[in-house]
Amino acid sequence: MKNWNPFRIYKFEFDNSGDLRSCYVPKVVARCPICKSRLIIEVTGCVEESGRSFPDEITLTCVNENSKKCPENAIEWQMPYVYWLPVEMSCQNWLTKMMRIFYGLRPVPKRWKERNGQLKLSLI
């Protein structure tokens, strides 16, 4: 796949300091345990490692959250350790691997930084 860009496909969003804020989870990694839809990772905490910031705490959100497909009173919401913890763990592992790939690139391609808002484009 010549033009495959995981950071565009999964819509990685970074803040002004360059830390990851959110991204989509690939369906092959995990899906919502209730409606089997796509998940969004939101990074709520980071840990510093070798001068790099890696996601340490995450929250998962279903793209259909609070809709008829993913109701608020579903049994999966009442038993998060059974249904959500395994999904969260696999998402955390995948995200850590992706960030290691991202930080391992030398240099990170300019177009990736532009798309993710890490590089300010000059107006001149």
Protein backbone atom coordinates (compact mmCIF):
# COMPACT_ATOMS: atom_id res chain seq x y z
CA MET A 1 0.00 0.00 0.00
CA LYS A 2 1.95 2.92 -1.33
CA ASN A 3 -0.06 5.81 0.15
CA TRP A 4 -1.12 4.17 3.42
CA ASN A 5 -0.95 6.72 6.20
CA PRO A 6 -2.21 5.39 9.54
CA PHE A 7 -2.08 8.82 11.14
CA ARG A 8 -4.52 10.25 8.60
CA ILE A 9 -6.78 7.21 8.41
CA TYR A 10 -7.26 7.00 12.17
CA LYS A 11 -7.52 10.81 12.48
CA PHE A 12 -4.88 11.35 15.13
CA GLU A 13 -5.41 14.75 16.77
CA PHE A 14 -2.60 16.45 18.66
CA ASP A 15 -2.70 19.48 20.94
CA ASN A 16 -0.48 22.56 20.66
CA SER A 17 2.31 20.96 22.68
CA GLY A 18 2.43 17.93 20.35
CA ASP A 19 0.72 15.45 22.70
CA LEU A 20 -1.87 13.09 21.29
CA ARG A 21 -5.44 14.00 22.28
CA SER A 22 -7.68 11.56 20.36
CA CYS A 23 -7.95 9.13 17.45
CA TYR A 24 -10.19 6.50 15.92
CA VAL A 25 -9.58 2.84 16.80
CA PRO A 26 -9.29 0.46 13.82
CA LYS A 27 -12.14 -2.04 13.77
CA VAL A 28 -9.64 -4.92 13.64
CA VAL A 29 -8.27 -3.80 17.04
CA ALA A 30 -11.56 -3.27 18.89
CA ARG A 31 -15.21 -2.40 18.46
CA CYS A 32 -17.90 -1.20 20.82
CA PRO A 33 -19.03 -4.19 22.92
CA ILE A 34 -22.65 -3.03 22.69
CA CYS A 35 -23.29 -2.08 19.05
CA LYS A 36 -20.03 -3.23 17.36
CA SER A 37 -19.41 0.29 15.96
CA ARG A 38 -16.19 2.25 15.78
CA LEU A 39 -14.54 3.61 18.93
CA ILE A 40 -12.74 6.87 19.62
CA ILE A 41 -9.82 7.03 22.04
CA GLU A 42 -9.48 10.19 24.11
CA VAL A 43 -6.18 10.54 25.95
CA THR A 44 -6.69 11.75 29.52
CA GLY A 45 -3.15 11.25 30.84
CA CYS A 46 0.37 10.87 29.53
CA VAL A 47 3.66 9.55 30.84
CA GLU A 48 7.08 10.86 29.82
CA GLU A 49 9.51 8.30 28.46
CA SER A 50 12.84 9.23 26.86
CA GLY A 51 11.66 12.79 26.32
CA ARG A 52 8.51 11.62 24.56
CA SER A 53 4.94 11.74 25.79
CA PHE A 54 3.08 8.41 25.64
CA PRO A 55 -0.64 7.98 26.39
CA ASP A 56 -1.03 6.45 29.83
CA GLU A 57 -4.73 6.93 30.57
CA ILE A 58 -7.46 6.72 27.95
CA THR A 59 -11.23 6.82 27.71
CA LEU A 60 -13.18 5.10 24.99
CA THR A 61 -16.26 6.55 23.34
CA CYS A 62 -18.52 4.80 20.87
CA VAL A 63 -19.42 6.84 17.79
CA ASN A 64 -23.05 5.84 18.48
CA GLU A 65 -22.98 6.57 22.21
CA ASN A 66 -26.41 7.42 23.70
CA SER A 67 -28.22 6.52 20.50
CA LYS A 68 -30.70 3.73 19.86
CA LYS A 69 -27.86 1.52 18.62
CA CYS A 70 -25.89 2.00 21.82
CA PRO A 71 -28.41 2.65 24.62
CA GLU A 72 -27.38 4.04 27.99
CA ASN A 73 -29.12 1.27 29.93
CA ALA A 74 -27.39 -1.65 28.15
CA ILE A 75 -25.99 -4.38 30.41
CA GLU A 76 -22.48 -3.68 29.04
CA TRP A 77 -22.49 -0.24 30.70
CA GLN A 78 -23.48 -1.77 34.04
CA MET A 79 -20.59 -4.25 34.00
CA PRO A 80 -17.61 -2.30 32.66
CA TYR A 81 -14.93 -4.67 33.97
CA VAL A 82 -16.43 -7.55 32.03
CA TYR A 83 -17.21 -5.79 28.76
CA TRP A 84 -15.10 -2.63 28.54
CA LEU A 85 -11.83 -3.43 30.33
CA PRO A 86 -10.58 -5.98 27.74
CA VAL A 87 -11.44 -3.55 24.94
CA GLU A 88 -9.68 -0.72 26.74
CA MET A 89 -6.55 -2.82 27.28
CA SER A 90 -6.27 -3.83 23.62
CA CYS A 91 -6.81 -0.19 22.55
CA GLN A 92 -4.14 1.02 24.99
CA ASN A 93 -1.63 -1.54 23.67
CA TRP A 94 -2.38 -0.62 20.04
CA LEU A 95 -2.05 3.10 20.77
CA THR A 96 1.29 2.66 22.53
CA LYS A 97 2.63 0.71 19.53
CA MET A 98 1.39 3.38 17.11
CA MET A 99 3.05 6.15 19.12
CA ARG A 100 6.34 4.20 19.19
CA ILE A 101 6.15 3.99 15.38
CA PHE A 102 5.34 7.70 15.18
CA TYR A 103 8.24 8.72 17.43
CA GLY A 104 10.57 6.25 15.66
CA LEU A 105 10.23 8.03 12.34
CA ARG A 106 13.19 10.24 11.59
CA PRO A 107 12.07 12.79 10.66
CA VAL A 108 8.30 12.61 11.04
CA PRO A 109 6.97 13.40 7.55
CA LYS A 110 6.04 17.08 7.26
CA ARG A 111 2.66 16.28 5.65
CA TRP A 112 1.68 14.14 8.69
CA LYS A 113 2.48 17.01 11.05
CA GLU A 114 0.51 19.41 8.86
CA ARG A 115 -2.55 17.13 8.79
CA ASN A 116 -2.42 16.55 12.53
CA GLY A 117 -2.08 20.25 13.36
CA GLN A 118 1.43 19.93 14.76
CA LEU A 119 3.01 22.11 12.11
CA LYS A 120 1.82 25.63 11.54
CA LEU A 121 1.61 26.51 7.86
CA SER A 122 3.01 29.88 6.93
CA LEU A 123 0.58 32.23 5.26
CA ILE A 124 3.32 33.93 3.24
